[in-house]
PDB file of N, CA and C in Angstrom:
ATOM      1  N   MET A   1     -70.158 -67.045  57.534  1.00  0.00           N
ATOM      2  CA  MET A   1     -70.543 -65.883  57.381  1.00  0.00           C
ATOM      3  C   MET A   1     -69.581 -65.137  58.729  1.00  0.00           C
ATOM      4  N   SER A   2     -69.372 -63.984  58.349  1.00  0.00           N
ATOM      5  CA  SER A   2     -68.802 -62.941  59.751  1.00  0.00           C
ATOM      6  C   SER A   2     -69.841 -62.567  61.020  1.00  0.00           C
ATOM      7  N   TYR A   3     -69.283 -61.876  61.971  1.00  0.00           N
ATOM      8  CA  TYR A   3     -69.972 -61.829  62.988  1.00  0.00           C
ATOM      9  C   TYR A   3     -69.611 -60.820  63.115  1.00  0.00           C
ATOM     10  N   ILE A   4     -70.547 -59.782  63.950  1.00  0.00           N
ATOM     11  CA  ILE A   4     -70.703 -58.215  64.297  1.00  0.00           C
ATOM     12  C   ILE A   4     -70.729 -57.665  65.711  1.00  0.00           C
ATOM     13  N   ASP A   5     -70.065 -56.889  66.409  1.00  0.00           N
ATOM     14  CA  ASP A   5     -70.180 -56.209  67.015  1.00  0.00           C
ATOM     15  C   ASP A   5     -70.956 -54.938  67.370  1.00  0.00           C
ATOM     16  N   GLY A   6     -72.142 -54.941  68.066  1.00  0.00           N
ATOM     17  CA  GLY A   6     -73.015 -53.143  67.516  1.00  0.00           C
ATOM     18  C   GLY A   6     -72.499 -52.190  68.583  1.00  0.00           C
ATOM     19  N   PHE A   7     -72.399 -51.243  68.432  1.00  0.00           N
ATOM     20  CA  PHE A   7     -72.152 -50.327  69.815  1.00  0.00           C
ATOM     21  C   PHE A   7     -73.153 -49.054  69.716  1.00  0.00           C
ATOM     22  N   VAL A   8     -74.059 -48.195  70.659  1.00  0.00           N
ATOM     23  CA  VAL A   8     -74.365 -47.311  70.362  1.00  0.00           C
ATOM     24  C   VAL A   8     -74.065 -46.622  71.638  1.00  0.00           C
ATOM     25  N   ILE A   9     -73.373 -45.485  71.472  1.00  0.00           N
ATOM     26  CA  ILE A   9     -72.383 -44.632  72.418  1.00  0.00           C
ATOM     27  C   ILE A   9     -73.119 -42.980  72.567  1.00  0.00           C
ATOM     28  N   ALA A  10     -73.492 -42.272  73.438  1.00  0.00           N
ATOM     29  CA  ALA A  10     -73.504 -40.709  74.003  1.00  0.00           C
ATOM     30  C   ALA A  10     -72.161 -40.158  74.177  1.00  0.00           C
ATOM     31  N   VAL A  11     -71.977 -39.464  73.144  1.00  0.00           N
ATOM     32  CA  VAL A  11     -70.600 -38.781  73.216  1.00  0.00           C
ATOM     33  C   VAL A  11     -70.559 -36.949  73.194  1.00  0.00           C
ATOM     34  N   PRO A  12     -69.971 -36.309  74.343  1.00  0.00           N
ATOM     35  CA  PRO A  12     -70.917 -34.891  74.165  1.00  0.00           C
ATOM     36  C   PRO A  12     -70.391 -34.698  72.710  1.00  0.00           C
ATOM     37  N   THR A  13     -71.149 -33.712  72.504  1.00  0.00           N
ATOM     38  CA  THR A  13     -71.025 -33.226  70.818  1.00  0.00           C
ATOM     39  C   THR A  13     -69.742 -32.653  70.523  1.00  0.00           C
ATOM     40  N   ALA A  14     -69.460 -31.745  71.910  1.00  0.00           N
ATOM     41  CA  ALA A  14     -67.814 -31.308  72.015  1.00  0.00           C
ATOM     42  C   ALA A  14     -67.229 -31.734  71.607  1.00  0.00           C
ATOM     43  N   ASN A  15     -67.071 -33.330  71.869  1.00  0.00           N
ATOM     44  CA  ASN A  15     -66.016 -33.611  71.814  1.00  0.00           C
ATOM     45  C   ASN A  15     -65.779 -34.706  70.595  1.00  0.00           C
ATOM     46  N   LYS A  16     -66.454 -34.212  69.651  1.00  0.00           N
ATOM     47  CA  LYS A  16     -66.196 -35.103  68.481  1.00  0.00           C
ATOM     48  C   LYS A  16     -64.916 -35.322  67.772  1.00  0.00           C
ATOM     49  N   GLN A  17     -64.218 -34.630  67.766  1.00  0.00           N
ATOM     50  CA  GLN A  17     -62.845 -34.603  67.093  1.00  0.00           C
ATOM     51  C   GLN A  17     -62.088 -35.218  68.011  1.00  0.00           C
ATOM     52  N   LYS A  18     -62.247 -35.193  69.432  1.00  0.00           N
ATOM     53  CA  LYS A  18     -61.604 -35.901  70.391  1.00  0.00           C
ATOM     54  C   LYS A  18     -62.115 -37.389  70.409  1.00  0.00           C
ATOM     55  N   PHE A  19     -63.153 -37.510  69.875  1.00  0.00           N
ATOM     56  CA  PHE A  19     -64.075 -38.934  69.744  1.00  0.00           C
ATOM     57  C   PHE A  19     -62.997 -39.349  68.696  1.00  0.00           C
ATOM     58  N   ILE A  20     -63.402 -38.835  67.250  1.00  0.00           N
ATOM     59  CA  ILE A  20     -62.307 -39.578  66.202  1.00  0.00           C
ATOM     60  C   ILE A  20     -60.638 -39.445  66.538  1.00  0.00           C
ATOM     61  N   GLU A  21     -60.120 -38.881  66.985  1.00  0.00           N
ATOM     62  CA  GLU A  21     -58.962 -39.300  67.486  1.00  0.00           C
ATOM     63  C   GLU A  21     -58.731 -40.439  68.268  1.00  0.00           C
ATOM     64  N   TYR A  22     -59.997 -40.833  69.446  1.00  0.00           N
ATOM     65  CA  TYR A  22     -59.660 -41.430  70.216  1.00  0.00           C
ATOM     66  C   TYR A  22     -59.949 -43.157  69.882  1.00  0.00           C
ATOM     67  N   ALA A  23     -60.745 -43.057  69.008  1.00  0.00           N
ATOM     68  CA  ALA A  23     -61.555 -44.354  67.770  1.00  0.00           C
ATOM     69  C   ALA A  23     -59.887 -44.117  67.071  1.00  0.00           C
ATOM     70  N   LYS A  24     -59.281 -43.519  66.186  1.00  0.00           N
ATOM     71  CA  LYS A  24     -58.707 -43.573  65.300  1.00  0.00           C
ATOM     72  C   LYS A  24     -57.617 -44.727  65.958  1.00  0.00           C
ATOM     73  N   LYS A  25     -57.349 -44.451  67.177  1.00  0.00           N
ATOM     74  CA  LYS A  25     -55.893 -45.100  67.997  1.00  0.00           C
ATOM     75  C   LYS A  25     -56.667 -46.255  68.361  1.00  0.00           C
ATOM     76  N   ALA A  26     -57.611 -46.192  68.899  1.00  0.00           N
ATOM     77  CA  ALA A  26     -58.293 -47.623  69.777  1.00  0.00           C
ATOM     78  C   ALA A  26     -58.753 -48.812  68.552  1.00  0.00           C
ATOM     79  N   ASP A  27     -59.763 -48.332  67.860  1.00  0.00           N
ATOM     80  CA  ASP A  27     -59.713 -49.177  66.347  1.00  0.00           C
ATOM     81  C   ASP A  27     -58.868 -50.003  65.661  1.00  0.00           C
ATOM     82  N   THR A  28     -57.969 -49.795  65.377  1.00  0.00           N
ATOM     83  CA  THR A  28     -56.336 -50.310  64.681  1.00  0.00           C
ATOM     84  C   THR A  28     -56.451 -51.605  65.323  1.00  0.00           C
ATOM     85  N   ILE A  29     -56.560 -51.551  67.094  1.00  0.00           N
ATOM     86  CA  ILE A  29     -56.032 -52.717  67.468  1.00  0.00           C
ATOM     87  C   ILE A  29     -56.887 -54.507  67.237  1.00  0.00           C
ATOM     88  N   PHE A  30     -58.368 -53.490  66.972  1.00  0.00           N
ATOM     89  CA  PHE A  30     -59.427 -54.502  66.315  1.00  0.00           C
ATOM     90  C   PHE A  30     -58.927 -55.420  64.782  1.00  0.00           C
ATOM     91  N   THR A  31     -58.444 -54.509  64.098  1.00  0.00           N
ATOM     92  CA  THR A  31     -57.784 -54.740  63.019  1.00  0.00           C
ATOM     93  C   THR A  31     -57.183 -55.891  63.136  1.00  0.00           C
ATOM     94  N   GLU A  32     -55.746 -55.101  63.813  1.00  0.00           N
ATOM     95  CA  GLU A  32     -55.005 -55.856  64.221  1.00  0.00           C
ATOM     96  C   GLU A  32     -54.876 -57.165  64.899  1.00  0.00           C
ATOM     97  N   LEU A  33     -56.039 -57.967  65.456  1.00  0.00           N
ATOM     98  CA  LEU A  33     -56.676 -58.854  65.924  1.00  0.00           C
ATOM     99  C   LEU A  33     -57.726 -59.373  65.711  1.00  0.00           C
ATOM    100  N   GLY A  34     -58.235 -58.890  63.681  1.00  0.00           N
ATOM    101  CA  GLY A  34     -58.268 -59.984  63.157  1.00  0.00           C
ATOM    102  C   GLY A  34     -59.893 -59.416  62.458  1.00  0.00           C
ATOM    103  N   ALA A  35     -60.365 -57.686  62.879  1.00  0.00           N
ATOM    104  CA  ALA A  35     -61.239 -57.835  62.315  1.00  0.00           C
ATOM    105  C   ALA A  35     -61.215 -56.813  60.826  1.00  0.00           C
ATOM    106  N   THR A  36     -62.256 -57.024  59.984  1.00  0.00           N
ATOM    107  CA  THR A  36     -61.948 -57.140  58.880  1.00  0.00           C
ATOM    108  C   THR A  36     -62.627 -55.632  58.814  1.00  0.00           C
ATOM    109  N   ARG A  37     -63.404 -54.792  59.483  1.00  0.00           N
ATOM    110  CA  ARG A  37     -63.684 -53.821  59.419  1.00  0.00           C
ATOM    111  C   ARG A  37     -64.517 -52.993  60.209  1.00  0.00           C
ATOM    112  N   VAL A  38     -63.856 -51.378  60.912  1.00  0.00           N
ATOM    113  CA  VAL A  38     -64.712 -51.455  62.137  1.00  0.00           C
ATOM    114  C   VAL A  38     -65.240 -50.073  61.470  1.00  0.00           C
ATOM    115  N   ILE A  39     -66.447 -49.280  61.789  1.00  0.00           N
ATOM    116  CA  ILE A  39     -67.350 -48.613  61.422  1.00  0.00           C
ATOM    117  C   ILE A  39     -67.724 -47.428  62.434  1.00  0.00           C
ATOM    118  N   GLU A  40     -67.674 -46.308  62.212  1.00  0.00           N
ATOM    119  CA  GLU A  40     -67.598 -45.430  63.665  1.00  0.00           C
ATOM    120  C   GLU A  40     -68.460 -44.435  62.708  1.00  0.00           C
ATOM    121  N   CYS A  41     -69.728 -43.777  63.396  1.00  0.00           N
ATOM    122  CA  CYS A  41     -71.030 -43.379  62.476  1.00  0.00           C
ATOM    123  C   CYS A  41     -71.357 -41.948  63.820  1.00  0.00           C
ATOM    124  N   TRP A  42     -71.058 -41.086  63.039  1.00  0.00           N
ATOM    125  CA  TRP A  42     -71.882 -39.672  64.031  1.00  0.00           C
ATOM    126  C   TRP A  42     -73.177 -39.332  63.781  1.00  0.00           C
ATOM    127  N   GLY A  43     -74.045 -39.195  64.757  1.00  0.00           N
ATOM    128  CA  GLY A  43     -75.467 -39.424  64.480  1.00  0.00           C
ATOM    129  C   GLY A  43     -75.998 -37.745  63.436  1.00  0.00           C
ATOM    130  N   ASP A  44     -76.661 -38.497  62.627  1.00  0.00           N
ATOM    131  CA  ASP A  44     -76.818 -36.947  61.807  1.00  0.00           C
ATOM    132  C   ASP A  44     -78.418 -36.678  61.655  1.00  0.00           C
ATOM    133  N   ASP A  45     -79.508 -37.979  61.604  1.00  0.00           N
ATOM    134  CA  ASP A  45     -80.744 -38.243  61.735  1.00  0.00           C
ATOM    135  C   ASP A  45     -81.082 -38.815  62.653  1.00  0.00           C
ATOM    136  N   VAL A  46     -81.132 -38.506  63.913  1.00  0.00           N
ATOM    137  CA  VAL A  46     -81.632 -39.443  65.110  1.00  0.00           C
ATOM    138  C   VAL A  46     -82.869 -38.987  65.243  1.00  0.00           C
ATOM    139  N   PRO A  47     -84.372 -39.327  65.224  1.00  0.00           N
ATOM    140  CA  PRO A  47     -85.307 -38.895  65.603  1.00  0.00           C
ATOM    141  C   PRO A  47     -85.692 -39.446  66.928  1.00  0.00           C
ATOM    142  N   GLU A  48     -86.155 -38.552  67.511  1.00  0.00           N
ATOM    143  CA  GLU A  48     -87.068 -38.875  68.682  1.00  0.00           C
ATOM    144  C   GLU A  48     -88.077 -39.694  68.371  1.00  0.00           C
ATOM    145  N   GLY A  49     -87.965 -40.913  69.266  1.00  0.00           N
ATOM    146  CA  GLY A  49     -89.738 -41.811  69.327  1.00  0.00           C
ATOM    147  C   GLY A  49     -90.341 -41.640  70.087  1.00  0.00           C
ATOM    148  N   LYS A  50     -91.123 -42.558  70.052  1.00  0.00           N
ATOM    149  CA  LYS A  50     -92.364 -42.102  70.903  1.00  0.00           C
ATOM    150  C   LYS A  50     -92.184 -42.570  72.253  1.00  0.00           C
ATOM    151  N   ALA A  51     -91.798 -44.577  72.324  1.00  0.00           N
ATOM    152  CA  ALA A  51     -91.106 -44.896  73.751  1.00  0.00           C
ATOM    153  C   ALA A  51     -90.295 -45.325  73.388  1.00  0.00           C
ATOM    154  N   THR A  52     -89.159 -45.706  72.311  1.00  0.00           N
ATOM    155  CA  THR A  52     -87.548 -45.640  72.378  1.00  0.00           C
ATOM    156  C   THR A  52     -86.949 -45.028  71.575  1.00  0.00           C
ATOM    157  N   ASP A  53     -85.902 -44.862  71.447  1.00  0.00           N
ATOM    158  CA  ASP A  53     -85.067 -44.681  70.734  1.00  0.00           C
ATOM    159  C   ASP A  53     -83.379 -44.522  70.941  1.00  0.00           C
ATOM    160  N   PHE A  54     -82.752 -44.051  69.458  1.00  0.00           N
ATOM    161  CA  PHE A  54     -81.126 -44.131  69.944  1.00  0.00           C
ATOM    162  C   PHE A  54     -80.723 -43.254  71.332  1.00  0.00           C
ATOM    163  N   ARG A  55     -81.293 -41.923  71.369  1.00  0.00           N
ATOM    164  CA  ARG A  55     -81.141 -41.170  72.176  1.00  0.00           C
ATOM    165  C   ARG A  55     -81.963 -41.521  73.755  1.00  0.00           C
ATOM    166  N   LYS A  56     -82.682 -42.377  73.661  1.00  0.00           N
ATOM    167  CA  LYS A  56     -83.372 -43.028  75.350  1.00  0.00           C
ATOM    168  C   LYS A  56     -82.898 -43.958  75.725  1.00  0.00           C
ATOM    169  N   ALA A  57     -81.795 -45.059  73.962  1.00  0.00           N
ATOM    170  CA  ALA A  57     -81.188 -45.924  74.769  1.00  0.00           C
ATOM    171  C   ALA A  57     -80.122 -45.592  75.589  1.00  0.00           C
ATOM    172  N   VAL A  58     -79.175 -44.969  74.943  1.00  0.00           N
ATOM    173  CA  VAL A  58     -77.893 -44.481  76.204  1.00  0.00           C
ATOM    174  C   VAL A  58     -78.202 -43.008  76.677  1.00  0.00           C
ATOM    175  N   LYS A  59     -79.321 -42.350  76.864  1.00  0.00           N
ATOM    176  CA  LYS A  59     -79.547 -41.499  78.017  1.00  0.00           C
ATOM    177  C   LYS A  59     -78.806 -40.303  77.214  1.00  0.00           C
ATOM    178  N   ALA A  60     -78.717 -39.761  76.166  1.00  0.00           N
ATOM    179  CA  ALA A  60     -77.906 -39.288  75.853  1.00  0.00           C
ATOM    180  C   ALA A  60     -79.130 -37.690  76.005  1.00  0.00           C
ATOM    181  N   THR A  61     -78.232 -36.399  76.220  1.00  0.00           N
ATOM    182  CA  THR A  61     -78.796 -35.034  77.030  1.00  0.00           C
ATOM    183  C   THR A  61     -78.298 -34.575  75.440  1.00  0.00           C
ATOM    184  N   ALA A  62     -79.035 -33.530  75.294  1.00  0.00           N
ATOM    185  CA  ALA A  62     -79.434 -32.249  74.699  1.00  0.00           C
ATOM    186  C   ALA A  62     -77.955 -31.659  74.178  1.00  0.00           C
ATOM    187  N   GLU A  63     -76.596 -31.982  75.037  1.00  0.00           N
ATOM    188  CA  GLU A  63     -75.646 -31.702  74.469  1.00  0.00           C
ATOM    189  C   GLU A  63     -74.417 -32.759  74.054  1.00  0.00           C
ATOM    190  N   GLU A  64     -75.197 -33.775  73.568  1.00  0.00           N
ATOM    191  CA  GLU A  64     -74.733 -35.106  73.327  1.00  0.00           C
ATOM    192  C   GLU A  64     -75.203 -35.559  71.698  1.00  0.00           C
ATOM    193  N   SER A  65     -74.077 -36.292  71.082  1.00  0.00           N
ATOM    194  CA  SER A  65     -74.348 -36.861  70.241  1.00  0.00           C
ATOM    195  C   SER A  65     -74.144 -38.153  69.970  1.00  0.00           C
ATOM    196  N   VAL A  66     -75.280 -38.930  68.834  1.00  0.00           N
ATOM    197  CA  VAL A  66     -75.125 -40.526  69.093  1.00  0.00           C
ATOM    198  C   VAL A  66     -74.151 -41.269  68.106  1.00  0.00           C
ATOM    199  N   VAL A  67     -73.163 -42.120  68.897  1.00  0.00           N
ATOM    200  CA  VAL A  67     -72.528 -43.218  67.971  1.00  0.00           C
ATOM    201  C   VAL A  67     -73.081 -44.040  67.755  1.00  0.00           C
ATOM    202  N   PHE A  68     -73.265 -44.412  66.132  1.00  0.00           N
ATOM    203  CA  PHE A  68     -73.720 -45.730  66.025  1.00  0.00           C
ATOM    204  C   PHE A  68     -72.245 -46.651  65.478  1.00  0.00           C
ATOM    205  N   SER A  69     -71.789 -47.774  66.250  1.00  0.00           N
ATOM    206  CA  SER A  69     -70.757 -48.010  65.300  1.00  0.00           C
ATOM    207  C   SER A  69     -70.957 -49.569  65.461  1.00  0.00           C
ATOM    208  N   TRP A  70     -69.582 -50.326  64.265  1.00  0.00           N
ATOM    209  CA  TRP A  70     -69.529 -51.876  64.656  1.00  0.00           C
ATOM    210  C   TRP A  70     -68.691 -52.336  63.941  1.00  0.00           C
ATOM    211  N   ILE A  71     -67.864 -53.406  64.456  1.00  0.00           N
ATOM    212  CA  ILE A  71     -66.643 -53.813  64.097  1.00  0.00           C
ATOM    213  C   ILE A  71     -67.079 -55.312  63.163  1.00  0.00           C
ATOM    214  N   GLU A  72     -66.768 -55.486  62.269  1.00  0.00           N
ATOM    215  CA  GLU A  72     -67.065 -56.842  61.464  1.00  0.00           C
ATOM    216  C   GLU A  72     -65.698 -58.016  61.914  1.00  0.00           C
ATOM    217  N   TRP A  73     -66.031 -58.751  62.000  1.00  0.00           N
ATOM    218  CA  TRP A  73     -65.055 -60.100  62.322  1.00  0.00           C
ATOM    219  C   TRP A  73     -65.715 -61.415  61.165  1.00  0.00           C
ATOM    220  N   PRO A  74     -64.380 -61.681  60.708  1.00  0.00           N
ATOM    221  CA  PRO A  74     -64.327 -63.102  59.910  1.00  0.00           C
ATOM    222  C   PRO A  74     -65.289 -64.099  60.286  1.00  0.00           C
ATOM    223  N   ASP A  75     -65.406 -64.118  61.895  1.00  0.00           N
ATOM    224  CA  ASP A  75     -66.411 -65.116  62.049  1.00  0.00           C
ATOM    225  C   ASP A  75     -66.196 -65.046  63.843  1.00  0.00           C
ATOM    226  N   LYS A  76     -67.379 -65.591  64.277  1.00  0.00           N
ATOM    227  CA  LYS A  76     -67.549 -65.643  66.045  1.00  0.00           C
ATOM    228  C   LYS A  76     -65.416 -65.648  67.330  1.00  0.00           C
ATOM    229  N   ASP A  77     -65.515 -67.198  66.136  1.00  0.00           N
ATOM    230  CA  ASP A  77     -64.323 -67.506  66.973  1.00  0.00           C
ATOM    231  C   ASP A  77     -63.136 -66.167  66.863  1.00  0.00           C
ATOM    232  N   THR A  78     -62.860 -66.118  65.919  1.00  0.00           N
ATOM    233  CA  THR A  78     -61.602 -65.110  65.744  1.00  0.00           C
ATOM    234  C   THR A  78     -62.142 -63.452  66.446  1.00  0.00           C
ATOM    235  N   ARG A  79     -63.803 -63.608  66.647  1.00  0.00           N
ATOM    236  CA  ARG A  79     -63.458 -61.983  67.618  1.00  0.00           C
ATOM    237  C   ARG A  79     -63.848 -62.628  69.116  1.00  0.00           C
ATOM    238  N   ASP A  80     -64.471 -64.391  69.490  1.00  0.00           N
ATOM    239  CA  ASP A  80     -64.383 -64.064  70.846  1.00  0.00           C
ATOM    240  C   ASP A  80     -62.478 -64.450  71.228  1.00  0.00           C
ATOM    241  N   ALA A  81     -61.503 -64.564  70.420  1.00  0.00           N
ATOM    242  CA  ALA A  81     -60.160 -65.006  70.856  1.00  0.00           C
ATOM    243  C   ALA A  81     -59.586 -63.130  70.550  1.00  0.00           C
ATOM    244  N   ALA A  82     -60.285 -62.550  70.480  1.00  0.00           N
ATOM    245  CA  ALA A  82     -59.548 -60.838  69.850  1.00  0.00           C
ATOM    246  C   ALA A  82     -59.871 -60.331  71.608  1.00  0.00           C
ATOM    247  N   MET A  83     -61.614 -60.461  71.821  1.00  0.00           N
ATOM    248  CA  MET A  83     -61.753 -60.224  72.838  1.00  0.00           C
ATOM    249  C   MET A  83     -60.759 -60.800  74.671  1.00  0.00           C
ATOM    250  N   GLN A  84     -60.832 -62.256  74.099  1.00  0.00           N
ATOM    251  CA  GLN A  84     -60.227 -62.365  74.882  1.00  0.00           C
ATOM    252  C   GLN A  84     -58.348 -62.333  75.221  1.00  0.00           C
ATOM    253  N   LYS A  85     -57.961 -62.226  74.349  1.00  0.00           N
ATOM    254  CA  LYS A  85     -56.322 -61.338  74.679  1.00  0.00           C
ATOM    255  C   LYS A  85     -56.632 -59.811  75.162  1.00  0.00           C
ATOM    256  N   MET A  86     -57.658 -59.143  74.753  1.00  0.00           N
ATOM    257  CA  MET A  86     -57.553 -57.792  75.088  1.00  0.00           C
ATOM    258  C   MET A  86     -58.207 -57.826  76.224  1.00  0.00           C
ATOM    259  N   MET A  87     -58.943 -58.395  76.945  1.00  0.00           N
ATOM    260  CA  MET A  87     -59.618 -58.642  78.263  1.00  0.00           C
ATOM    261  C   MET A  87     -58.417 -59.171  78.994  1.00  0.00           C
ATOM    262  N   SER A  88     -57.227 -59.896  78.661  1.00  0.00           N
ATOM    263  CA  SER A  88     -56.647 -60.486  79.796  1.00  0.00           C
ATOM    264  C   SER A  88     -55.540 -59.323  80.434  1.00  0.00           C
ATOM    265  N   GLU A  89     -55.176 -59.486  81.543  1.00  0.00           N
ATOM    266  CA  GLU A  89     -54.480 -59.177  82.211  1.00  0.00           C
ATOM    267  C   GLU A  89     -53.067 -58.990  81.656  1.00  0.00           C
ATOM    268  N   GLU A  90     -52.228 -59.932  80.569  1.00  0.00           N
ATOM    269  CA  GLU A  90     -51.272 -59.424  79.969  1.00  0.00           C
ATOM    270  C   GLU A  90     -51.482 -58.702  78.405  1.00  0.00           C
ATOM    271  N   PHE A  91     -52.301 -58.318  78.815  1.00  0.00           N
ATOM    272  CA  PHE A  91     -52.884 -57.297  77.340  1.00  0.00           C
ATOM    273  C   PHE A  91     -52.144 -55.914  77.938  1.00  0.00           C
ATOM    274  N   GLU A  92     -51.399 -55.270  77.038  1.00  0.00           N
ATOM    275  CA  GLU A  92     -51.322 -53.928  77.352  1.00  0.00           C
ATOM    276  C   GLU A  92     -50.693 -53.194  76.233  1.00  0.00           C
ATOM    277  N   ASP A  93     -51.327 -52.254  76.176  1.00  0.00           N
ATOM    278  CA  ASP A  93     -51.283 -51.586  74.313  1.00  0.00           C
ATOM    279  C   ASP A  93     -51.803 -50.153  75.003  1.00  0.00           C
ATOM    280  N   GLU A  94     -50.890 -48.768  75.099  1.00  0.00           N
ATOM    281  CA  GLU A  94     -51.068 -47.423  74.820  1.00  0.00           C
ATOM    282  C   GLU A  94     -52.315 -46.825  74.420  1.00  0.00           C
ATOM    283  N   ARG A  95     -52.499 -47.700  73.695  1.00  0.00           N
ATOM    284  CA  ARG A  95     -53.808 -46.839  72.541  1.00  0.00           C
ATOM    285  C   ARG A  95     -55.371 -47.264  73.413  1.00  0.00           C
ATOM    286  N   MET A  96     -55.216 -47.802  74.697  1.00  0.00           N
ATOM    287  CA  MET A  96     -56.147 -48.526  75.365  1.00  0.00           C
ATOM    288  C   MET A  96     -56.236 -48.154  77.015  1.00  0.00           C
ATOM    289  N   ASP A  97     -54.707 -47.055  77.142  1.00  0.00           N
ATOM    290  CA  ASP A  97     -54.560 -46.652  78.000  1.00  0.00           C
ATOM    291  C   ASP A  97     -55.360 -45.150  78.741  1.00  0.00           C
ATOM    292  N   PRO A  98     -55.751 -45.459  79.783  1.00  0.00           N
ATOM    293  CA  PRO A  98     -56.780 -44.152  79.991  1.00  0.00           C
ATOM    294  C   PRO A  98     -56.315 -43.069  80.211  1.00  0.00           C
ATOM    295  N   LYS A  99     -54.936 -43.023  80.613  1.00  0.00           N
ATOM    296  CA  LYS A  99     -53.773 -41.615  80.603  1.00  0.00           C
ATOM    297  C   LYS A  99     -53.425 -41.286  79.529  1.00  0.00           C
ATOM    298  N   LYS A 100     -52.783 -41.797  78.429  1.00  0.00           N
ATOM    299  CA  LYS A 100     -52.481 -41.536  76.918  1.00  0.00           C
ATOM    300  C   LYS A 100     -53.513 -41.350  75.973  1.00  0.00           C
ATOM    301  N   ASN A 101     -54.959 -42.419  75.931  1.00  0.00           N
ATOM    302  CA  ASN A 101     -55.818 -42.387  75.239  1.00  0.00           C
ATOM    303  C   ASN A 101     -57.119 -42.210  75.760  1.00  0.00           C
ATOM    304  N   PRO A 102     -57.753 -41.107  76.776  1.00  0.00           N
ATOM    305  CA  PRO A 102     -58.536 -41.147  77.633  1.00  0.00           C
ATOM    306  C   PRO A 102     -60.110 -41.281  76.388  1.00  0.00           C
ATOM    307  N   MET A 103     -60.993 -41.914  77.114  1.00  0.00           N
ATOM    308  CA  MET A 103     -62.384 -42.080  76.561  1.00  0.00           C
ATOM    309  C   MET A 103     -63.026 -40.764  76.464  1.00  0.00           C
ATOM    310  N   PRO A 104     -63.130 -39.685  75.525  1.00  0.00           N
ATOM    311  CA  PRO A 104     -64.259 -38.846  75.652  1.00  0.00           C
ATOM    312  C   PRO A 104     -65.724 -38.865  75.878  1.00  0.00           C
ATOM    313  N   LEU A 105     -65.950 -39.786  76.470  1.00  0.00           N
ATOM    314  CA  LEU A 105     -67.441 -40.104  76.985  1.00  0.00           C
ATOM    315  C   LEU A 105     -67.373 -40.837  77.863  1.00  0.00           C
ATOM    316  N   ASP A 106     -69.151 -41.347  78.725  1.00  0.00           N
ATOM    317  CA  ASP A 106     -69.378 -41.957  79.628  1.00  0.00           C
ATOM    318  C   ASP A 106     -69.377 -43.436  78.879  1.00  0.00           C
ATOM    319  N   GLY A 107     -68.442 -43.891  79.306  1.00  0.00           N
ATOM    320  CA  GLY A 107     -68.524 -45.493  78.748  1.00  0.00           C
ATOM    321  C   GLY A 107     -69.776 -46.443  79.217  1.00  0.00           C
ATOM    322  N   LYS A 108     -70.171 -45.780  80.826  1.00  0.00           N
ATOM    323  CA  LYS A 108     -71.495 -46.328  81.475  1.00  0.00           C
ATOM    324  C   LYS A 108     -72.282 -46.477  80.848  1.00  0.00           C
ATOM    325  N   ARG A 109     -72.796 -45.191  79.539  1.00  0.00           N
ATOM    326  CA  ARG A 109     -73.751 -45.406  78.774  1.00  0.00           C
ATOM    327  C   ARG A 109     -73.328 -46.092  77.784  1.00  0.00           C
ATOM    328  N   LEU A 110     -72.361 -46.491  77.402  1.00  0.00           N
ATOM    329  CA  LEU A 110     -72.449 -47.429  76.224  1.00  0.00           C
ATOM    330  C   LEU A 110     -73.090 -48.706  75.761  1.00  0.00           C
ATOM    331  N   ILE A 111     -74.141 -49.154  75.069  1.00  0.00           N
ATOM    332  CA  ILE A 111     -74.519 -50.301  75.106  1.00  0.00           C
ATOM    333  C   ILE A 111     -74.172 -50.913  73.802  1.00  0.00           C
ATOM    334  N   TYR A 112     -73.782 -52.656  73.842  1.00  0.00           N
ATOM    335  CA  TYR A 112     -73.434 -53.243  72.928  1.00  0.00           C
ATOM    336  C   TYR A 112     -73.399 -54.150  72.655  1.00  0.00           C
ATOM    337  N   GLY A 113     -73.052 -55.064  71.877  1.00  0.00           N
ATOM    338  CA  GLY A 113     -73.747 -56.419  71.935  1.00  0.00           C
ATOM    339  C   GLY A 113     -73.303 -57.734  70.810  1.00  0.00           C
ATOM    340  N   GLY A 114     -72.810 -58.419  70.790  1.00  0.00           N
ATOM    341  CA  GLY A 114     -72.523 -59.554  69.270  1.00  0.00           C
ATOM    342  C   GLY A 114     -73.740 -60.114  68.633  1.00  0.00           C
ATOM    343  N   PHE A 115     -73.342 -60.225  67.437  1.00  0.00           N
ATOM    344  CA  PHE A 115     -74.203 -60.545  66.497  1.00  0.00           C
ATOM    345  C   PHE A 115     -74.164 -61.065  65.466  1.00  0.00           C
ATOM    346  N   ASP A 116     -74.939 -62.407  65.127  1.00  0.00           N
ATOM    347  CA  ASP A 116     -75.008 -62.817  64.038  1.00  0.00           C
ATOM    348  C   ASP A 116     -75.404 -63.033  62.895  1.00  0.00           C
ATOM    349  N   PRO A 117     -75.134 -62.775  61.864  1.00  0.00           N
ATOM    350  CA  PRO A 117     -75.623 -62.046  60.834  1.00  0.00           C
ATOM    351  C   PRO A 117     -76.406 -63.129  60.052  1.00  0.00           C
ATOM    352  N   ILE A 118     -78.049 -62.806  59.797  1.00  0.00           N
ATOM    353  CA  ILE A 118     -79.044 -64.050  59.372  1.00  0.00           C
ATOM    354  C   ILE A 118     -79.310 -63.351  58.258  1.00  0.00           C
ATOM    355  N   ILE A 119     -78.659 -62.373  57.365  1.00  0.00           N
ATOM    356  CA  ILE A 119     -79.169 -61.989  55.859  1.00  0.00           C
ATOM    357  C   ILE A 119     -78.018 -61.009  55.328  1.00  0.00           C
ATOM    358  N   GLU A 120     -76.897 -61.789  54.371  1.00  0.00           N
ATOM    359  CA  GLU A 120     -76.217 -60.448  53.979  1.00  0.00           C
ATOM    360  C   GLU A 120     -76.307 -59.987  52.878  1.00  0.00           C
ATOM    361  N   LEU A 121     -76.704 -59.464  52.276  1.00  0.00           N
ATOM    362  CA  LEU A 121     -77.031 -58.796  50.710  1.00  0.00           C
ATOM    363  C   LEU A 121     -75.635 -58.297  49.642  1.00  0.00           C
TER     364      LEU A 121
END
């Protein structure tokens, strides 16, 4: 069964097009390293919860939108090998160079995790 990396990010709404351009460049790296699919979703109907919600999770302001993303991998081993390669000191790719492809968001408020699917329909 596949393996999923999930992300929730607060992005300034004014930076929507910058985010799309950033993601198009950066996300191709994941597919080159074995991901089967990368999905970036711009918040459209993100309700406010009483105790918690997506906006609270990333401390999104009124001027920010929530982005929900995931990367599908064929298996955890492929994902782990890709992440190890990307985090290595030898990995250099201008698509991840902040000077050539700056992140249009506050990376400190990005939340992420790896998930093992338990049901797939």
